[in-house]
Amino acid sequence: DARQAVDERFKGMHIVHTNNNACLTIFGLMIGGTDVTKVLSETV
């Protein structure tokens, strides 16, 4: 879900841009909460 949302919003943006990657980082934290393993797993 996270990757699809970011791909749709940032179509054409380079894969190492600040903004698209920032949103994936946020999604990883929101999915995983305070569960370290889930945050790392989903974000990668």
All heavy atoms as atom14 arrays in JSON, in Angstrom:
{
  "sequence": "DARQAVDERFKGMHIVHTNNNACLTIFGLMIGGTDVTKVLSETV",
  "atom14_mask": [
    [1, 1, 1, 1, 1, 1, 1, 1, 0, 0, 0, 0, 0, 0],
    [1, 1, 1, 1, 1, 0, 0, 0, 0, 0, 0, 0, 0, 0],
    [1, 1, 1, 1, 1, 1, 1, 1, 1, 1, 1, 0, 0, 0],
    [1, 1, 1, 1, 1, 1, 1, 1, 1, 0, 0, 0, 0, 0],
    [1, 1, 1, 1, 1, 0, 0, 0, 0, 0, 0, 0, 0, 0],
    [1, 1, 1, 1, 1, 1, 1, 0, 0, 0, 0, 0, 0, 0],
    [1, 1, 1, 1, 1, 1, 1, 1, 0, 0, 0, 0, 0, 0],
    [1, 1, 1, 1, 1, 1, 1, 1, 1, 0, 0, 0, 0, 0],
    [1, 1, 1, 1, 1, 1, 1, 1, 1, 1, 1, 0, 0, 0],
    [1, 1, 1, 1, 1, 1, 1, 1, 1, 1, 1, 0, 0, 0],
    [1, 1, 1, 1, 1, 1, 1, 1, 1, 0, 0, 0, 0, 0],
    [1, 1, 1, 1, 0, 0, 0, 0, 0, 0, 0, 0, 0, 0],
    [1, 1, 1, 1, 1, 1, 1, 1, 0, 0, 0, 0, 0, 0],
    [1, 1, 1, 1, 1, 1, 1, 1, 1, 1, 0, 0, 0, 0],
    [1, 1, 1, 1, 1, 1, 1, 1, 0, 0, 0, 0, 0, 0],
    [1, 1, 1, 1, 1, 1, 1, 0, 0, 0, 0, 0, 0, 0],
    [1, 1, 1, 1, 1, 1, 1, 1, 1, 1, 0, 0, 0, 0],
    [1, 1, 1, 1, 1, 1, 1, 0, 0, 0, 0, 0, 0, 0],
    [1, 1, 1, 1, 1, 1, 1, 1, 0, 0, 0, 0, 0, 0],
    [1, 1, 1, 1, 1, 1, 1, 1, 0, 0, 0, 0, 0, 0],
    [1, 1, 1, 1, 1, 1, 1, 1, 0, 0, 0, 0, 0, 0],
    [1, 1, 1, 1, 1, 0, 0, 0, 0, 0, 0, 0, 0, 0],
    [1, 1, 1, 1, 1, 1, 0, 0, 0, 0, 0, 0, 0, 0],
    [1, 1, 1, 1, 1, 1, 1, 1, 0, 0, 0, 0, 0, 0],
    [1, 1, 1, 1, 1, 1, 1, 0, 0, 0, 0, 0, 0, 0],
    [1, 1, 1, 1, 1, 1, 1, 1, 0, 0, 0, 0, 0, 0],
    [1, 1, 1, 1, 1, 1, 1, 1, 1, 1, 1, 0, 0, 0],
    [1, 1, 1, 1, 0, 0, 0, 0, 0, 0, 0, 0, 0, 0],
    [1, 1, 1, 1, 1, 1, 1, 1, 0, 0, 0, 0, 0, 0],
    [1, 1, 1, 1, 1, 1, 1, 1, 0, 0, 0, 0, 0, 0],
    [1, 1, 1, 1, 1, 1, 1, 1, 0, 0, 0, 0, 0, 0],
    [1, 1, 1, 1, 0, 0, 0, 0, 0, 0, 0, 0, 0, 0],
    [1, 1, 1, 1, 0, 0, 0, 0, 0, 0, 0, 0, 0, 0],
    [1, 1, 1, 1, 1, 1, 1, 0, 0, 0, 0, 0, 0, 0],
    [1, 1, 1, 1, 1, 1, 1, 1, 0, 0, 0, 0, 0, 0],
    [1, 1, 1, 1, 1, 1, 1, 0, 0, 0, 0, 0, 0, 0],
    [1, 1, 1, 1, 1, 1, 1, 0, 0, 0, 0, 0, 0, 0],
    [1, 1, 1, 1, 1, 1, 1, 1, 1, 0, 0, 0, 0, 0],
    [1, 1, 1, 1, 1, 1, 1, 0, 0, 0, 0, 0, 0, 0],
    [1, 1, 1, 1, 1, 1, 1, 1, 0, 0, 0, 0, 0, 0],
    [1, 1, 1, 1, 1, 1, 0, 0, 0, 0, 0, 0, 0, 0],
    [1, 1, 1, 1, 1, 1, 1, 1, 1, 0, 0, 0, 0, 0],
    [1, 1, 1, 1, 1, 1, 1, 0, 0, 0, 0, 0, 0, 0],
    [1, 1, 1, 1, 1, 1, 1, 0, 0, 0, 0, 0, 0, 0]
  ],
  "atom14_positions": [
    [[0.84, -1.2, 0.0], [0.0, 0.0, 0.0], [0.87, 1.25, 0.0], [0.6, 2.22, -0.72], [-0.89, 0.03, 1.25], [-1.96, -1.05, 1.27], [-2.19, -1.68, 0.22], [-2.56, -1.25, 2.34], [0.0, 0.0, 0.0], [0.0, 0.0, 0.0], [0.0, 0.0, 0.0], [0.0, 0.0, 0.0], [0.0, 0.0, 0.0], [0.0, 0.0, 0.0]],
    [[1.91, 1.23, 0.83], [2.79, 2.38, 0.97], [3.49, 2.72, -0.34], [3.51, 3.88, -0.79], [3.82, 2.13, 2.07], [0.0, 0.0, 0.0], [0.0, 0.0, 0.0], [0.0, 0.0, 0.0], [0.0, 0.0, 0.0], [0.0, 0.0, 0.0], [0.0, 0.0, 0.0], [0.0, 0.0, 0.0], [0.0, 0.0, 0.0], [0.0, 0.0, 0.0]],
    [[4.06, 1.69, -0.97], [4.79, 1.93, -2.22], [3.86, 2.4, -3.32], [4.19, 3.31, -4.11], [5.54, 0.67, -2.62], [6.35, 0.83, -3.89], [7.42, 1.94, -3.77], [8.09, 2.11, -5.04], [9.14, 1.43, -5.44], [9.69, 0.51, -4.62], [9.69, 1.66, -6.63], [0.0, 0.0, 0.0], [0.0, 0.0, 0.0], [0.0, 0.0, 0.0]],
    [[2.68, 1.84, -3.4], [1.72, 2.26, -4.42], [1.34, 3.72, -4.24], [1.29, 4.49, -5.21], [0.46, 1.38, -4.37], [-0.57, 1.75, -5.44], [-1.8, 0.86, -5.4], [-1.84, -0.15, -4.7], [-2.83, 1.23, -6.16], [0.0, 0.0, 0.0], [0.0, 0.0, 0.0], [0.0, 0.0, 0.0], [0.0, 0.0, 0.0], [0.0, 0.0, 0.0]],
    [[1.09, 4.12, -2.99], [0.7, 5.5, -2.71], [1.81, 6.47, -3.1], [1.56, 7.53, -3.69], [0.35, 5.65, -1.24], [0.0, 0.0, 0.0], [0.0, 0.0, 0.0], [0.0, 0.0, 0.0], [0.0, 0.0, 0.0], [0.0, 0.0, 0.0], [0.0, 0.0, 0.0], [0.0, 0.0, 0.0], [0.0, 0.0, 0.0], [0.0, 0.0, 0.0]],
    [[3.05, 6.14, -2.76], [4.18, 7.0, -3.08], [4.43, 7.05, -4.59], [4.71, 8.11, -5.14], [5.44, 6.53, -2.31], [6.71, 7.13, -2.91], [5.31, 6.92, -0.84], [0.0, 0.0, 0.0], [0.0, 0.0, 0.0], [0.0, 0.0, 0.0], [0.0, 0.0, 0.0], [0.0, 0.0, 0.0], [0.0, 0.0, 0.0], [0.0, 0.0, 0.0]],
    [[4.34, 5.91, -5.26], [4.52, 5.89, -6.71], [3.49, 6.76, -7.42], [3.81, 7.45, -8.39], [4.44, 4.46, -7.24], [5.69, 3.65, -6.96], [6.71, 4.23, -6.54], [5.65, 2.41, -7.15], [0.0, 0.0, 0.0], [0.0, 0.0, 0.0], [0.0, 0.0, 0.0], [0.0, 0.0, 0.0], [0.0, 0.0, 0.0], [0.0, 0.0, 0.0]],
    [[2.28, 6.76, -6.93], [1.22, 7.56, -7.55], [1.44, 9.04, -7.31], [1.25, 9.86, -8.2], [-0.15, 7.12, -7.0], [-0.59, 5.75, -7.51], [-1.87, 5.27, -6.86], [-2.39, 5.97, -5.95], [-2.36, 4.17, -7.23], [0.0, 0.0, 0.0], [0.0, 0.0, 0.0], [0.0, 0.0, 0.0], [0.0, 0.0, 0.0], [0.0, 0.0, 0.0]],
    [[1.85, 9.42, -6.11], [2.02, 10.83, -5.78], [3.29, 11.42, -6.41], [3.3, 12.58, -6.82], [2.07, 11.05, -4.27], [2.21, 12.53, -3.87], [2.08, 12.72, -2.37], [2.27, 14.09, -1.97], [1.34, 15.01, -1.9], [0.09, 14.69, -2.24], [1.61, 16.26, -1.51], [0.0, 0.0, 0.0], [0.0, 0.0, 0.0], [0.0, 0.0, 0.0]],
    [[4.33, 10.62, -6.5], [5.63, 11.13, -6.93], [6.1, 10.52, -8.24], [7.3, 10.3, -8.44], [6.67, 10.86, -5.84], [6.36, 11.5, -4.52], [5.82, 10.75, -3.48], [6.59, 12.85, -4.3], [5.53, 11.33, -2.26], [6.3, 13.44, -3.08], [5.76, 12.68, -2.05], [0.0, 0.0, 0.0], [0.0, 0.0, 0.0], [0.0, 0.0, 0.0]],
    [[5.18, 10.29, -9.15], [5.53, 9.68, -10.43], [6.6, 10.52, -11.14], [6.46, 11.71, -11.32], [4.29, 9.57, -11.32], [4.53, 8.82, -12.62], [3.25, 8.69, -13.42], [3.5, 7.91, -14.72], [2.25, 7.76, -15.51], [0.0, 0.0, 0.0], [0.0, 0.0, 0.0], [0.0, 0.0, 0.0], [0.0, 0.0, 0.0], [0.0, 0.0, 0.0]],
    [[7.68, 9.86, -11.51], [8.77, 10.53, -12.22], [9.88, 11.03, -11.33], [10.95, 11.38, -11.82], [0.0, 0.0, 0.0], [0.0, 0.0, 0.0], [0.0, 0.0, 0.0], [0.0, 0.0, 0.0], [0.0, 0.0, 0.0], [0.0, 0.0, 0.0], [0.0, 0.0, 0.0], [0.0, 0.0, 0.0], [0.0, 0.0, 0.0], [0.0, 0.0, 0.0]],
    [[9.65, 11.09, -10.03], [10.68, 11.55, -9.1], [11.76, 10.49, -8.97], [11.49, 9.29, -8.95], [10.06, 11.86, -7.73], [11.04, 12.39, -6.7], [10.22, 12.88, -5.14], [9.63, 14.53, -5.6], [0.0, 0.0, 0.0], [0.0, 0.0, 0.0], [0.0, 0.0, 0.0], [0.0, 0.0, 0.0], [0.0, 0.0, 0.0], [0.0, 0.0, 0.0]],
    [[13.02, 10.92, -8.88], [14.14, 9.99, -8.76], [14.02, 9.18, -7.48], [13.52, 9.66, -6.46], [15.46, 10.75, -8.77], [16.63, 9.88, -9.09], [17.22, 9.06, -8.14], [17.31, 9.66, -10.25], [18.21, 8.39, -8.7], [18.29, 8.73, -9.98], [0.0, 0.0, 0.0], [0.0, 0.0, 0.0], [0.0, 0.0, 0.0], [0.0, 0.0, 0.0]],
    [[14.5, 7.94, -7.53], [14.31, 7.03, -6.39], [15.14, 7.42, -5.17], [14.92, 6.85, -4.09], [14.6, 5.56, -6.77], [16.08, 5.33, -7.07], [13.73, 5.12, -7.93], [16.46, 3.86, -7.13], [0.0, 0.0, 0.0], [0.0, 0.0, 0.0], [0.0, 0.0, 0.0], [0.0, 0.0, 0.0], [0.0, 0.0, 0.0], [0.0, 0.0, 0.0]],
    [[16.07, 8.35, -5.28], [16.8, 8.79, -4.1], [16.53, 10.26, -3.77], [17.35, 10.95, -3.16], [18.32, 8.52, -4.2], [18.59, 7.03, -4.28], [18.94, 9.21, -5.38], [0.0, 0.0, 0.0], [0.0, 0.0, 0.0], [0.0, 0.0, 0.0], [0.0, 0.0, 0.0], [0.0, 0.0, 0.0], [0.0, 0.0, 0.0], [0.0, 0.0, 0.0]],
    [[15.36, 10.74, -4.15], [14.95, 12.1, -3.78], [14.57, 12.12, -2.31], [14.21, 11.11, -1.72], [13.76, 12.53, -4.65], [13.53, 14.0, -4.69], [12.93, 14.68, -3.64], [13.78, 14.94, -5.63], [12.84, 15.96, -3.94], [13.35, 16.15, -5.14], [0.0, 0.0, 0.0], [0.0, 0.0, 0.0], [0.0, 0.0, 0.0], [0.0, 0.0, 0.0]],
    [[14.65, 13.3, -1.7], [14.28, 13.45, -0.3], [12.81, 13.15, -0.06], [12.45, 12.38, 0.85], [14.58, 14.88, 0.18], [16.0, 15.08, 0.23], [14.02, 15.13, 1.58], [0.0, 0.0, 0.0], [0.0, 0.0, 0.0], [0.0, 0.0, 0.0], [0.0, 0.0, 0.0], [0.0, 0.0, 0.0], [0.0, 0.0, 0.0], [0.0, 0.0, 0.0]],
    [[11.92, 13.74, -0.86], [10.51, 13.78, -0.5], [9.8, 12.43, -0.59], [9.05, 12.06, 0.31], [9.79, 14.82, -1.36], [10.26, 16.23, -1.06], [11.44, 16.47, -0.81], [9.34, 17.19, -1.11], [0.0, 0.0, 0.0], [0.0, 0.0, 0.0], [0.0, 0.0, 0.0], [0.0, 0.0, 0.0], [0.0, 0.0, 0.0], [0.0, 0.0, 0.0]],
    [[10.01, 11.69, -1.67], [9.34, 10.39, -1.78], [9.84, 9.42, -0.72], [9.04, 8.68, -0.11], [9.49, 9.8, -3.19], [10.91, 9.78, -3.71], [11.84, 10.23, -3.06], [11.1, 9.26, -4.93], [0.0, 0.0, 0.0], [0.0, 0.0, 0.0], [0.0, 0.0, 0.0], [0.0, 0.0, 0.0], [0.0, 0.0, 0.0], [0.0, 0.0, 0.0]],
    [[11.14, 9.43, -0.47], [11.68, 8.54, 0.55], [11.25, 8.95, 1.96], [11.05, 8.09, 2.83], [13.21, 8.5, 0.45], [13.69, 7.62, -0.68], [13.65, 6.4, -0.6], [14.13, 8.25, -1.77], [0.0, 0.0, 0.0], [0.0, 0.0, 0.0], [0.0, 0.0, 0.0], [0.0, 0.0, 0.0], [0.0, 0.0, 0.0], [0.0, 0.0, 0.0]],
    [[11.09, 10.24, 2.19], [10.6, 10.7, 3.49], [9.22, 10.12, 3.78], [8.93, 9.68, 4.9], [10.56, 12.22, 3.54], [0.0, 0.0, 0.0], [0.0, 0.0, 0.0], [0.0, 0.0, 0.0], [0.0, 0.0, 0.0], [0.0, 0.0, 0.0], [0.0, 0.0, 0.0], [0.0, 0.0, 0.0], [0.0, 0.0, 0.0], [0.0, 0.0, 0.0]],
    [[8.37, 10.1, 2.77], [7.02, 9.57, 2.95], [7.04, 8.06, 3.23], [6.27, 7.56, 4.06], [6.16, 9.89, 1.74], [5.81, 11.67, 1.58], [0.0, 0.0, 0.0], [0.0, 0.0, 0.0], [0.0, 0.0, 0.0], [0.0, 0.0, 0.0], [0.0, 0.0, 0.0], [0.0, 0.0, 0.0], [0.0, 0.0, 0.0], [0.0, 0.0, 0.0]],
    [[7.93, 7.33, 2.56], [8.04, 5.9, 2.86], [8.51, 5.69, 4.29], [8.04, 4.78, 4.98], [9.01, 5.23, 1.88], [8.52, 5.06, 0.44], [9.57, 4.31, -0.38], [7.19, 4.32, 0.37], [0.0, 0.0, 0.0], [0.0, 0.0, 0.0], [0.0, 0.0, 0.0], [0.0, 0.0, 0.0], [0.0, 0.0, 0.0], [0.0, 0.0, 0.0]],
    [[9.45, 6.5, 4.75], [9.92, 6.41, 6.13], [8.77, 6.61, 7.11], [8.62, 5.87, 8.08], [11.02, 7.45, 6.4], [12.09, 7.28, 5.45], [11.58, 7.32, 7.81], [0.0, 0.0, 0.0], [0.0, 0.0, 0.0], [0.0, 0.0, 0.0], [0.0, 0.0, 0.0], [0.0, 0.0, 0.0], [0.0, 0.0, 0.0], [0.0, 0.0, 0.0]],
    [[7.94, 7.61, 6.83], [6.79, 7.89, 7.68], [5.8, 6.73, 7.65], [5.29, 6.31, 8.7], [6.13, 9.2, 7.24], [7.04, 10.38, 7.58], [4.76, 9.38, 7.9], [6.67, 11.67, 6.9], [0.0, 0.0, 0.0], [0.0, 0.0, 0.0], [0.0, 0.0, 0.0], [0.0, 0.0, 0.0], [0.0, 0.0, 0.0], [0.0, 0.0, 0.0]],
    [[5.54, 6.19, 6.48], [4.63, 5.04, 6.38], [5.16, 3.85, 7.17], [4.41, 3.14, 7.85], [4.41, 4.65, 4.93], [3.58, 5.63, 4.14], [3.73, 5.75, 2.77], [2.64, 6.44, 4.77], [2.97, 6.64, 2.03], [1.87, 7.35, 4.04], [2.05, 7.44, 2.67], [0.0, 0.0, 0.0], [0.0, 0.0, 0.0], [0.0, 0.0, 0.0]],
    [[6.47, 3.6, 7.09], [7.06, 2.5, 7.85], [6.85, 2.67, 9.34], [6.54, 1.71, 10.06], [0.0, 0.0, 0.0], [0.0, 0.0, 0.0], [0.0, 0.0, 0.0], [0.0, 0.0, 0.0], [0.0, 0.0, 0.0], [0.0, 0.0, 0.0], [0.0, 0.0, 0.0], [0.0, 0.0, 0.0], [0.0, 0.0, 0.0], [0.0, 0.0, 0.0]],
    [[7.0, 3.9, 9.82], [6.8, 4.18, 11.23], [5.33, 4.08, 11.63], [5.01, 3.6, 12.72], [7.33, 5.58, 11.56], [8.86, 5.72, 11.53], [9.27, 7.18, 11.43], [9.48, 5.07, 12.77], [0.0, 0.0, 0.0], [0.0, 0.0, 0.0], [0.0, 0.0, 0.0], [0.0, 0.0, 0.0], [0.0, 0.0, 0.0], [0.0, 0.0, 0.0]],
    [[4.45, 4.49, 10.75], [3.02, 4.42, 11.07], [2.52, 2.99, 11.06], [1.68, 2.61, 11.89], [2.22, 5.29, 10.09], [2.5, 6.78, 10.25], [1.51, 7.83, 9.14], [-0.1, 7.76, 9.96], [0.0, 0.0, 0.0], [0.0, 0.0, 0.0], [0.0, 0.0, 0.0], [0.0, 0.0, 0.0], [0.0, 0.0, 0.0], [0.0, 0.0, 0.0]],
    [[3.02, 2.17, 10.17], [2.64, 0.76, 10.12], [3.17, 0.02, 11.34], [2.47, -0.75, 11.99], [3.15, 0.09, 8.83], [2.45, 0.67, 7.6], [2.93, -1.44, 8.9], [3.11, 0.26, 6.29], [0.0, 0.0, 0.0], [0.0, 0.0, 0.0], [0.0, 0.0, 0.0], [0.0, 0.0, 0.0], [0.0, 0.0, 0.0], [0.0, 0.0, 0.0]],
    [[4.45, 0.26, 11.66], [5.1, -0.49, 12.72], [4.93, 0.04, 14.12], [5.09, -0.7, 15.09], [0.0, 0.0, 0.0], [0.0, 0.0, 0.0], [0.0, 0.0, 0.0], [0.0, 0.0, 0.0], [0.0, 0.0, 0.0], [0.0, 0.0, 0.0], [0.0, 0.0, 0.0], [0.0, 0.0, 0.0], [0.0, 0.0, 0.0], [0.0, 0.0, 0.0]],
    [[4.63, 1.35, 14.26], [4.47, 1.94, 15.59], [5.76, 1.86, 16.4], [6.81, 2.32, 15.97], [0.0, 0.0, 0.0], [0.0, 0.0, 0.0], [0.0, 0.0, 0.0], [0.0, 0.0, 0.0], [0.0, 0.0, 0.0], [0.0, 0.0, 0.0], [0.0, 0.0, 0.0], [0.0, 0.0, 0.0], [0.0, 0.0, 0.0], [0.0, 0.0, 0.0]],
    [[5.7, 1.24, 17.56], [6.87, 1.1, 18.42], [7.49, -0.3, 18.33], [8.37, -0.64, 19.13], [6.51, 1.41, 19.88], [5.46, 0.55, 20.31], [6.06, 2.86, 20.03], [0.0, 0.0, 0.0], [0.0, 0.0, 0.0], [0.0, 0.0, 0.0], [0.0, 0.0, 0.0], [0.0, 0.0, 0.0], [0.0, 0.0, 0.0], [0.0, 0.0, 0.0]],
    [[7.05, -1.08, 17.37], [7.6, -2.42, 17.13], [8.8, -2.28, 16.19], [8.64, -2.07, 14.99], [6.52, -3.31, 16.51], [6.97, -4.75, 16.29], [8.18, -4.99, 16.08], [6.11, -5.66, 16.26], [0.0, 0.0, 0.0], [0.0, 0.0, 0.0], [0.0, 0.0, 0.0], [0.0, 0.0, 0.0], [0.0, 0.0, 0.0], [0.0, 0.0, 0.0]],
    [[10.0, -2.38, 16.73], [11.22, -2.15, 15.96], [11.29, -3.06, 14.75], [11.58, -2.62, 13.62], [12.46, -2.31, 16.85], [13.74, -2.28, 16.0], [12.51, -1.22, 17.92], [0.0, 0.0, 0.0], [0.0, 0.0, 0.0], [0.0, 0.0, 0.0], [0.0, 0.0, 0.0], [0.0, 0.0, 0.0], [0.0, 0.0, 0.0], [0.0, 0.0, 0.0]],
    [[11.05, -4.33, 14.93], [11.15, -5.29, 13.83], [10.16, -4.97, 12.73], [10.51, -5.0, 11.54], [10.93, -6.73, 14.34], [12.02, -7.1, 15.19], [10.85, -7.72, 13.18], [0.0, 0.0, 0.0], [0.0, 0.0, 0.0], [0.0, 0.0, 0.0], [0.0, 0.0, 0.0], [0.0, 0.0, 0.0], [0.0, 0.0, 0.0], [0.0, 0.0, 0.0]],
    [[8.93, -4.65, 13.07], [7.92, -4.36, 12.05], [8.27, -3.08, 11.28], [8.09, -3.01, 10.07], [6.53, -4.24, 12.65], [5.42, -4.27, 11.6], [4.07, -4.49, 12.2], [2.97, -4.6, 11.14], [3.18, -5.79, 10.24], [0.0, 0.0, 0.0], [0.0, 0.0, 0.0], [0.0, 0.0, 0.0], [0.0, 0.0, 0.0], [0.0, 0.0, 0.0]],
    [[8.78, -2.08, 11.98], [9.19, -0.85, 11.32], [10.29, -1.12, 10.3], [10.21, -0.71, 9.14], [9.66, 0.21, 12.34], [10.35, 1.38, 11.64], [8.48, 0.73, 13.16], [0.0, 0.0, 0.0], [0.0, 0.0, 0.0], [0.0, 0.0, 0.0], [0.0, 0.0, 0.0], [0.0, 0.0, 0.0], [0.0, 0.0, 0.0], [0.0, 0.0, 0.0]],
    [[11.34, -1.84, 10.71], [12.45, -2.14, 9.81], [11.99, -3.02, 8.65], [12.34, -2.78, 7.49], [13.59, -2.83, 10.56], [14.21, -2.07, 11.74], [15.39, -2.86, 12.3], [14.65, -0.69, 11.34], [0.0, 0.0, 0.0], [0.0, 0.0, 0.0], [0.0, 0.0, 0.0], [0.0, 0.0, 0.0], [0.0, 0.0, 0.0], [0.0, 0.0, 0.0]],
    [[11.22, -4.04, 8.96], [10.76, -5.01, 7.97], [9.93, -4.34, 6.87], [10.2, -4.5, 5.67], [9.94, -6.09, 8.67], [9.32, -6.96, 7.75], [0.0, 0.0, 0.0], [0.0, 0.0, 0.0], [0.0, 0.0, 0.0], [0.0, 0.0, 0.0], [0.0, 0.0, 0.0], [0.0, 0.0, 0.0], [0.0, 0.0, 0.0], [0.0, 0.0, 0.0]],
    [[8.92, -3.59, 7.27], [8.02, -2.97, 6.31], [8.73, -1.87, 5.51], [8.5, -1.72, 4.31], [6.8, -2.39, 7.02], [5.89, -3.45, 7.64], [5.02, -4.17, 6.62], [4.78, -3.63, 5.52], [4.57, -5.3, 6.93], [0.0, 0.0, 0.0], [0.0, 0.0, 0.0], [0.0, 0.0, 0.0], [0.0, 0.0, 0.0], [0.0, 0.0, 0.0]],
    [[9.59, -1.11, 6.16], [10.27, -0.01, 5.47], [11.21, -0.52, 4.41], [11.24, -0.01, 3.28], [11.01, 0.88, 6.48], [10.11, 1.33, 7.51], [11.59, 2.11, 5.79], [0.0, 0.0, 0.0], [0.0, 0.0, 0.0], [0.0, 0.0, 0.0], [0.0, 0.0, 0.0], [0.0, 0.0, 0.0], [0.0, 0.0, 0.0], [0.0, 0.0, 0.0]],
    [[12.01, -1.52, 4.72], [12.89, -2.11, 3.71], [12.08, -2.68, 2.56], [12.44, -2.51, 1.38], [13.8, -3.2, 4.34], [14.46, -4.05, 3.25], [14.86, -2.56, 5.22], [0.0, 0.0, 0.0], [0.0, 0.0, 0.0], [0.0, 0.0, 0.0], [0.0, 0.0, 0.0], [0.0, 0.0, 0.0], [0.0, 0.0, 0.0], [0.0, 0.0, 0.0]]
  ]
}
